[in-house]
Amino acid sequence: MTRVSLFSSPYLLGFDDFERIIDRAAKSANDGYPPYNIERVARGENAPEKFRITLAVAGFSRDELEITLEENQLMIRGRQVDDGSRAYLHRGIAARQFQRAFVLAEGVEVKSAQLESGLLAIDLERPEPQRIVRKIDIKGV
């Protein structure tokens, strides 16, 4: 069975990477841990568009969390070390690892991250793109 590309139109030039990005985002959306929210933060006049990703990471310290940005992919990883010195009668809270990826649109910038009360909040901003109109000279013989 042949897969039809969403961006196969001859009028969509240079959009080859979008299909790869959509596939990557779909694969990372399958795992439900840790739960997260994505919200659009109200913006003021002449202020850039703002977003906040909040992940519920109860039990993780700052040292056990890692946030990286590679090209347009925001990656959040959590690694807890199992404390072998404890003898559990019941273990309902596991030392768990996770990896959560978000694909960011072109121009979106990560501004800050803070961990408070078991919630990791990552603030993002998308400045208004400059509208550039450029006249192209036609050369000929």
C-alpha atoms as a PDB file:
ATOM      1  CA  MET A   1       0.000   0.000   0.000  1.00  0.00           C
ATOM      2  CA  THR A   2       1.414   3.362  -1.023  1.00  0.00           C
ATOM      3  CA  ARG A   3       1.296   6.196   1.473  1.00  0.00           C
ATOM      4  CA  VAL A   4       0.031   9.497   0.081  1.00  0.00           C
ATOM      5  CA  SER A   5       2.006  12.478   1.323  1.00  0.00           C
ATOM      6  CA  LEU A   6       0.112  15.420   2.760  1.00  0.00           C
ATOM      7  CA  PHE A   7       2.594  17.764   1.148  1.00  0.00           C
ATOM      8  CA  SER A   8       2.796  16.220  -2.326  1.00  0.00           C
ATOM      9  CA  SER A   9       1.273  19.221  -4.086  1.00  0.00           C
ATOM     10  CA  PRO A  10       3.648  20.908  -6.535  1.00  0.00           C
ATOM     11  CA  TYR A  11       2.615  24.251  -4.973  1.00  0.00           C
ATOM     12  CA  LEU A  12       4.078  23.310  -1.571  1.00  0.00           C
ATOM     13  CA  LEU A  13       7.793  23.751  -2.165  1.00  0.00           C
ATOM     14  CA  GLY A  14      10.234  23.136   0.689  1.00  0.00           C
ATOM     15  CA  PHE A  15       7.735  21.527   3.091  1.00  0.00           C
ATOM     16  CA  ASP A  16       9.360  18.074   3.013  1.00  0.00           C
ATOM     17  CA  ASP A  17      10.357  18.203   6.688  1.00  0.00           C
ATOM     18  CA  PHE A  18       6.809  18.849   7.926  1.00  0.00           C
ATOM     19  CA  GLU A  19       5.697  15.292   7.312  1.00  0.00           C
ATOM     20  CA  ARG A  20       8.649  13.978   9.318  1.00  0.00           C
ATOM     21  CA  ILE A  21       7.812  16.390  12.146  1.00  0.00           C
ATOM     22  CA  ILE A  22       4.156  15.285  12.174  1.00  0.00           C
ATOM     23  CA  ASP A  23       5.215  11.620  12.342  1.00  0.00           C
ATOM     24  CA  ARG A  24       7.588  12.363  15.231  1.00  0.00           C
ATOM     25  CA  ALA A  25       4.894  14.250  17.147  1.00  0.00           C
ATOM     26  CA  ALA A  26       2.389  11.423  16.656  1.00  0.00           C
ATOM     27  CA  LYS A  27       4.836   8.837  18.028  1.00  0.00           C
ATOM     28  CA  SER A  28       5.624  10.869  21.147  1.00  0.00           C
ATOM     29  CA  ALA A  29       1.925  11.407  21.962  1.00  0.00           C
ATOM     30  CA  ASN A  30       1.272   7.730  22.781  1.00  0.00           C
ATOM     31  CA  ASP A  31       2.627   7.634  26.345  1.00  0.00           C
ATOM     32  CA  GLY A  32       0.414   9.149  29.044  1.00  0.00           C
ATOM     33  CA  TYR A  33       3.109   9.704  31.673  1.00  0.00           C
ATOM     34  CA  PRO A  34       3.677  12.257  33.011  1.00  0.00           C
ATOM     35  CA  PRO A  35       0.375  14.051  32.537  1.00  0.00           C
ATOM     36  CA  TYR A  36       0.712  17.563  31.157  1.00  0.00           C
ATOM     37  CA  ASN A  37      -1.190  20.707  30.229  1.00  0.00           C
ATOM     38  CA  ILE A  38      -0.495  23.121  27.399  1.00  0.00           C
ATOM     39  CA  GLU A  39      -2.024  26.542  27.782  1.00  0.00           C
ATOM     40  CA  ARG A  40      -2.022  29.773  25.855  1.00  0.00           C
ATOM     41  CA  VAL A  41      -1.125  32.592  28.217  1.00  0.00           C
ATOM     42  CA  ALA A  42      -3.096  35.803  27.733  1.00  0.00           C
ATOM     43  CA  ARG A  43      -0.932  38.360  26.027  1.00  0.00           C
ATOM     44  CA  GLY A  44      -0.919  42.088  26.317  1.00  0.00           C
ATOM     45  CA  GLU A  45      -0.957  44.583  23.521  1.00  0.00           C
ATOM     46  CA  ASN A  46       2.173  44.420  21.311  1.00  0.00           C
ATOM     47  CA  ALA A  47       3.397  41.410  23.315  1.00  0.00           C
ATOM     48  CA  PRO A  48       4.433  38.135  21.688  1.00  0.00           C
ATOM     49  CA  GLU A  49       2.236  35.055  21.808  1.00  0.00           C
ATOM     50  CA  LYS A  50       2.993  32.981  24.942  1.00  0.00           C
ATOM     51  CA  PHE A  51       2.453  29.355  25.893  1.00  0.00           C
ATOM     52  CA  ARG A  52       3.084  27.286  29.012  1.00  0.00           C
ATOM     53  CA  ILE A  53       3.651  23.552  29.207  1.00  0.00           C
ATOM     54  CA  THR A  54       3.059  22.176  32.704  1.00  0.00           C
ATOM     55  CA  LEU A  55       4.052  18.612  33.581  1.00  0.00           C
ATOM     56  CA  ALA A  56       3.064  16.819  36.805  1.00  0.00           C
ATOM     57  CA  VAL A  57       6.416  15.497  38.044  1.00  0.00           C
ATOM     58  CA  ALA A  58       5.706  14.867  41.727  1.00  0.00           C
ATOM     59  CA  GLY A  59       8.623  13.162  43.445  1.00  0.00           C
ATOM     60  CA  PHE A  60      11.265  14.464  41.021  1.00  0.00           C
ATOM     61  CA  SER A  61      13.881  16.956  42.126  1.00  0.00           C
ATOM     62  CA  ARG A  62      15.502  19.510  39.804  1.00  0.00           C
ATOM     63  CA  ASP A  63      18.603  17.305  39.596  1.00  0.00           C
ATOM     64  CA  GLU A  64      16.501  14.404  38.291  1.00  0.00           C
ATOM     65  CA  LEU A  65      14.946  16.458  35.479  1.00  0.00           C
ATOM     66  CA  GLU A  66      16.558  17.513  32.212  1.00  0.00           C
ATOM     67  CA  ILE A  67      15.179  19.853  29.551  1.00  0.00           C
ATOM     68  CA  THR A  68      16.881  20.045  26.162  1.00  0.00           C
ATOM     69  CA  LEU A  69      16.060  21.803  22.917  1.00  0.00           C
ATOM     70  CA  GLU A  70      17.437  20.356  19.706  1.00  0.00           C
ATOM     71  CA  GLU A  71      16.425  22.195  16.556  1.00  0.00           C
ATOM     72  CA  ASN A  72      12.651  22.457  17.045  1.00  0.00           C
ATOM     73  CA  GLN A  73      12.136  19.540  19.454  1.00  0.00           C
ATOM     74  CA  LEU A  74      11.740  20.224  23.177  1.00  0.00           C
ATOM     75  CA  MET A  75      12.672  17.126  25.194  1.00  0.00           C
ATOM     76  CA  ILE A  76      11.930  16.686  28.904  1.00  0.00           C
ATOM     77  CA  ARG A  77      13.470  13.701  30.678  1.00  0.00           C
ATOM     78  CA  GLY A  78      13.086  12.534  34.237  1.00  0.00           C
ATOM     79  CA  ARG A  79      15.318   9.922  35.873  1.00  0.00           C
ATOM     80  CA  GLN A  80      14.827   8.826  39.461  1.00  0.00           C
ATOM     81  CA  VAL A  81      17.310   6.570  41.189  1.00  0.00           C
ATOM     82  CA  ASP A  82      15.785   3.727  43.165  1.00  0.00           C
ATOM     83  CA  ASP A  83      16.760   4.014  46.846  1.00  0.00           C
ATOM     84  CA  GLY A  84      17.889   0.465  47.712  1.00  0.00           C
ATOM     85  CA  SER A  85      18.241   1.256  51.409  1.00  0.00           C
ATOM     86  CA  ARG A  86      14.471   1.218  51.974  1.00  0.00           C
ATOM     87  CA  ALA A  87      12.401  -1.923  52.624  1.00  0.00           C
ATOM     88  CA  TYR A  88       8.897  -1.358  51.258  1.00  0.00           C
ATOM     89  CA  LEU A  89       5.854  -3.262  52.540  1.00  0.00           C
ATOM     90  CA  HIS A  90       3.883  -1.749  49.650  1.00  0.00           C
ATOM     91  CA  ARG A  91       5.322   0.143  46.702  1.00  0.00           C
ATOM     92  CA  GLY A  92       2.686   2.287  44.964  1.00  0.00           C
ATOM     93  CA  ILE A  93       5.015   5.134  44.004  1.00  0.00           C
ATOM     94  CA  ALA A  94       7.664   3.709  41.728  1.00  0.00           C
ATOM     95  CA  ALA A  95      11.001   5.284  40.908  1.00  0.00           C
ATOM     96  CA  ARG A  96      10.102   5.917  37.299  1.00  0.00           C
ATOM     97  CA  GLN A  97      11.796   7.348  34.244  1.00  0.00           C
ATOM     98  CA  PHE A  98      10.078   9.295  31.502  1.00  0.00           C
ATOM     99  CA  GLN A  99      10.764  11.118  28.303  1.00  0.00           C
ATOM    100  CA  ARG A 100       8.291  13.582  26.813  1.00  0.00           C
ATOM    101  CA  ALA A 101       8.880  15.381  23.504  1.00  0.00           C
ATOM    102  CA  PHE A 102       7.148  18.423  22.035  1.00  0.00           C
ATOM    103  CA  VAL A 103       7.716  19.655  18.498  1.00  0.00           C
ATOM    104  CA  LEU A 104       7.833  23.454  18.460  1.00  0.00           C
ATOM    105  CA  ALA A 105       6.830  25.629  15.530  1.00  0.00           C
ATOM    106  CA  GLU A 106       9.445  27.703  13.771  1.00  0.00           C
ATOM    107  CA  GLY A 107      10.277  30.786  15.824  1.00  0.00           C
ATOM    108  CA  VAL A 108       8.984  29.485  19.184  1.00  0.00           C
ATOM    109  CA  GLU A 109      11.533  30.169  21.930  1.00  0.00           C
ATOM    110  CA  VAL A 110      11.885  28.542  25.352  1.00  0.00           C
ATOM    111  CA  LYS A 111      12.032  31.398  27.843  1.00  0.00           C
ATOM    112  CA  SER A 112      12.162  29.723  31.262  1.00  0.00           C
ATOM    113  CA  ALA A 113      11.418  26.634  33.335  1.00  0.00           C
ATOM    114  CA  GLN A 114      10.515  26.365  37.005  1.00  0.00           C
ATOM    115  CA  LEU A 115       9.721  23.480  39.342  1.00  0.00           C
ATOM    116  CA  GLU A 116       7.267  24.201  42.122  1.00  0.00           C
ATOM    117  CA  SER A 117       5.021  21.891  44.190  1.00  0.00           C
ATOM    118  CA  GLY A 118       5.608  18.935  41.869  1.00  0.00           C
ATOM    119  CA  LEU A 119       4.743  20.879  38.706  1.00  0.00           C
ATOM    120  CA  LEU A 120       7.348  21.666  36.053  1.00  0.00           C
ATOM    121  CA  ALA A 121       6.280  24.772  34.101  1.00  0.00           C
ATOM    122  CA  ILE A 122       8.048  25.644  30.857  1.00  0.00           C
ATOM    123  CA  ASP A 123       7.296  29.059  29.371  1.00  0.00           C
ATOM    124  CA  LEU A 124       7.443  29.526  25.612  1.00  0.00           C
ATOM    125  CA  GLU A 125       7.147  32.585  23.441  1.00  0.00           C
ATOM    126  CA  ARG A 126       6.529  33.138  19.749  1.00  0.00           C
ATOM    127  CA  PRO A 127       7.459  36.652  18.656  1.00  0.00           C
ATOM    128  CA  GLU A 128       5.387  38.145  15.870  1.00  0.00           C
ATOM    129  CA  PRO A 129       7.229  37.441  12.616  1.00  0.00           C
ATOM    130  CA  GLN A 130       8.323  40.453  10.629  1.00  0.00           C
ATOM    131  CA  ARG A 131       6.419  40.838   7.396  1.00  0.00           C
ATOM    132  CA  ILE A 132       9.011  41.314   4.678  1.00  0.00           C
ATOM    133  CA  VAL A 133       8.030  42.126   1.130  1.00  0.00           C
ATOM    134  CA  ARG A 134      10.890  41.977  -1.306  1.00  0.00           C
ATOM    135  CA  LYS A 135      10.851  42.790  -4.985  1.00  0.00           C
ATOM    136  CA  ILE A 136      12.752  40.315  -7.145  1.00  0.00           C
ATOM    137  CA  ASP A 137      14.523  41.760 -10.181  1.00  0.00           C
ATOM    138  CA  ILE A 138      14.073  39.913 -13.437  1.00  0.00           C
ATOM    139  CA  LYS A 139      17.284  39.465 -15.360  1.00  0.00           C
ATOM    140  CA  GLY A 140      17.501  38.665 -18.977  1.00  0.00           C
ATOM    141  CA  VAL A 141      19.438  39.062 -22.145  1.00  0.00           C
END
